[in-house]
Amino acid sequence: QLPEDVQEPEKQEKTVELKYKTNKISTEECQRLTEKLEALMHRDKPYTNPDLKIADLATMLGRSAHTLSYLFNQHLNRNYYDYINDYRIEEFKRLINEDEYSKYTLGALAELCGFSSRASFFRYFKKVTGITPNEYIRSIGKNNDE
């Protein structure tokens, strides 16, 4: 028997099907929930809270964490952390373009965007963009002395 994360794709799909067997959500419902989620993300910026959990987000949307997990994994095809961290990276890119934040260190900016550590910010930023935050700052012509 192979460990669960090395199983054949068919077996993995069965596991996923079983996991969400009792929680099938229609495509229309997923669309509505995605729109609600994105509106919430833009309006309230919950991702700036470094301790944000999927359960907190579910509560804000009036849904269960299980439903939200289904939405991320089955409808949006990504996990919760990648979804949240993408918003955090976009927030960083937005802040770095505003003069009032030009004196902030990268660590302070990462914190403002909701990353719990400088290391996780650097790791995720590089994973998503392929460059470091400093290289990004140079590429947009901003100076940050760190």
Protein backbone atom coordinates (compact mmCIF):
# COMPACT_ATOMS: atom_id res chain seq x y z
CA GLN A 1 0.00 0.00 0.00
CA LEU A 2 1.38 3.37 -1.08
CA PRO A 3 1.17 6.36 1.24
CA GLU A 4 -1.86 8.53 0.51
CA ASP A 5 0.09 11.30 -1.23
CA VAL A 6 1.74 8.83 -3.65
CA GLN A 7 -1.42 6.96 -4.66
CA GLU A 8 -2.45 6.62 -8.26
CA PRO A 9 -4.54 9.59 -9.53
CA GLU A 10 -7.73 7.48 -9.74
CA LYS A 11 -7.38 6.53 -6.10
CA GLN A 12 -6.74 10.16 -5.11
CA GLU A 13 -9.89 11.26 -6.97
CA LYS A 14 -11.89 8.62 -5.11
CA THR A 15 -10.51 9.94 -1.79
CA VAL A 16 -11.50 13.49 -2.75
CA GLU A 17 -14.94 12.29 -3.90
CA LEU A 18 -15.46 10.52 -0.58
CA LYS A 19 -14.24 13.54 1.39
CA TYR A 20 -16.85 15.78 -0.26
CA LYS A 21 -19.53 13.12 -0.84
CA THR A 22 -21.93 14.71 1.65
CA ASN A 23 -21.12 18.22 0.53
CA LYS A 24 -21.76 18.50 -3.18
CA ILE A 25 -22.27 22.12 -4.07
CA SER A 26 -23.69 23.12 -7.41
CA THR A 27 -21.55 25.03 -9.88
CA GLU A 28 -23.97 27.96 -9.57
CA GLU A 29 -23.61 27.96 -5.79
CA CYS A 30 -19.81 27.82 -6.17
CA GLN A 31 -19.96 30.83 -8.51
CA ARG A 32 -22.09 32.80 -6.04
CA LEU A 33 -19.82 31.88 -3.14
CA THR A 34 -16.70 32.81 -5.15
CA GLU A 35 -18.20 36.23 -5.92
CA LYS A 36 -19.08 36.73 -2.24
CA LEU A 37 -15.60 35.64 -1.21
CA GLU A 38 -13.85 37.97 -3.65
CA ALA A 39 -16.07 40.90 -2.64
CA LEU A 40 -15.18 40.23 1.00
CA MET A 41 -11.46 39.98 0.20
CA HIS A 42 -11.48 43.32 -1.64
CA ARG A 43 -13.74 45.16 0.81
CA ASP A 44 -12.48 43.97 4.21
CA LYS A 45 -9.01 42.61 3.37
CA PRO A 46 -9.22 39.77 5.92
CA TYR A 47 -5.96 38.36 4.50
CA THR A 48 -4.05 41.16 6.30
CA ASN A 49 -4.68 39.21 9.53
CA PRO A 50 -1.71 36.82 9.85
CA ASP A 51 -3.81 34.49 12.04
CA LEU A 52 -6.69 34.18 9.56
CA LYS A 53 -8.01 30.62 9.43
CA ILE A 54 -10.33 29.06 6.88
CA ALA A 55 -12.94 28.79 9.66
CA ASP A 56 -12.77 32.57 10.23
CA LEU A 57 -13.29 33.23 6.55
CA ALA A 58 -16.18 30.74 6.47
CA THR A 59 -17.83 32.52 9.41
CA MET A 60 -17.53 35.88 7.63
CA LEU A 61 -19.30 34.33 4.65
CA GLY A 62 -21.90 32.53 6.77
CA ARG A 63 -20.76 29.13 5.51
CA SER A 64 -18.97 26.12 6.99
CA ALA A 65 -15.22 25.65 6.75
CA HIS A 66 -15.96 22.36 4.97
CA THR A 67 -17.95 24.19 2.28
CA LEU A 68 -15.16 26.71 1.83
CA SER A 69 -12.59 23.93 1.64
CA TYR A 70 -14.69 22.31 -1.10
CA LEU A 71 -14.83 25.63 -2.96
CA PHE A 72 -11.04 26.07 -2.87
CA ASN A 73 -10.11 22.51 -3.73
CA GLN A 74 -12.84 21.52 -6.17
CA HIS A 75 -13.97 24.76 -7.79
CA LEU A 76 -10.97 27.10 -7.60
CA ASN A 77 -8.45 24.24 -7.87
CA ARG A 78 -6.09 25.67 -5.28
CA ASN A 79 -5.62 25.43 -1.58
CA TYR A 80 -6.68 27.98 1.00
CA TYR A 81 -3.15 29.17 1.79
CA ASP A 82 -2.22 29.84 -1.84
CA TYR A 83 -5.48 31.75 -2.30
CA ILE A 84 -4.86 33.95 0.76
CA ASN A 85 -1.17 34.42 0.04
CA ASP A 86 -1.91 35.57 -3.52
CA TYR A 87 -3.98 38.40 -2.05
CA ARG A 88 -1.13 39.20 0.34
CA ILE A 89 1.36 39.38 -2.53
CA GLU A 90 -0.97 41.69 -4.49
CA GLU A 91 -1.32 43.87 -1.40
CA PHE A 92 2.46 44.06 -1.12
CA LYS A 93 2.73 45.08 -4.79
CA ARG A 94 0.09 47.75 -4.20
CA LEU A 95 1.78 49.11 -1.06
CA ILE A 96 5.26 49.19 -2.58
CA ASN A 97 3.93 51.59 -5.23
CA GLU A 98 2.64 54.06 -2.65
CA ASP A 99 5.13 56.67 -1.46
CA GLU A 100 3.90 56.59 2.13
CA TYR A 101 5.22 53.01 2.43
CA SER A 102 8.61 53.64 0.81
CA LYS A 103 10.35 53.96 4.20
CA TYR A 104 9.01 50.63 5.47
CA THR A 105 11.31 47.61 5.60
CA LEU A 106 10.32 44.52 3.62
CA GLY A 107 9.60 42.75 6.90
CA ALA A 108 7.23 45.50 8.00
CA LEU A 109 5.49 45.53 4.62
CA ALA A 110 5.14 41.74 4.68
CA GLU A 111 3.53 42.01 8.11
CA LEU A 112 1.11 44.71 6.92
CA CYS A 113 0.06 42.36 4.12
CA GLY A 114 -0.69 39.54 6.56
CA PHE A 115 2.40 37.34 6.37
CA SER A 116 3.32 35.99 9.79
CA SER A 117 7.03 35.99 9.02
CA ARG A 118 9.51 37.59 6.69
CA ALA A 119 10.73 34.12 5.68
CA SER A 120 7.28 32.90 4.60
CA PHE A 121 6.77 36.15 2.67
CA PHE A 122 10.08 35.77 0.81
CA ARG A 123 9.47 32.08 0.12
CA TYR A 124 5.95 32.60 -1.24
CA PHE A 125 6.85 35.74 -3.20
CA LYS A 126 9.65 33.92 -4.99
CA LYS A 127 7.42 30.86 -5.59
CA VAL A 128 4.75 33.02 -7.26
CA THR A 129 6.81 35.61 -9.12
CA GLY A 130 10.07 33.75 -9.69
CA ILE A 131 12.03 36.70 -8.26
CA THR A 132 12.78 38.04 -4.80
CA PRO A 133 10.90 41.03 -3.37
CA ASN A 134 14.07 43.13 -3.75
CA GLU A 135 14.38 42.17 -7.43
CA TYR A 136 10.71 43.07 -7.88
CA ILE A 137 11.22 46.48 -6.26
CA ARG A 138 14.19 47.16 -8.53
CA SER A 139 12.19 46.00 -11.57
CA ILE A 140 9.50 48.63 -10.93
CA GLY A 141 12.10 51.31 -10.27
CA LYS A 142 11.49 51.72 -6.54
CA ASN A 143 14.34 51.92 -4.05
CA ASN A 144 14.15 50.12 -0.76
CA ASP A 145 17.28 50.12 1.36
CA GLU A 146 17.15 46.70 2.90
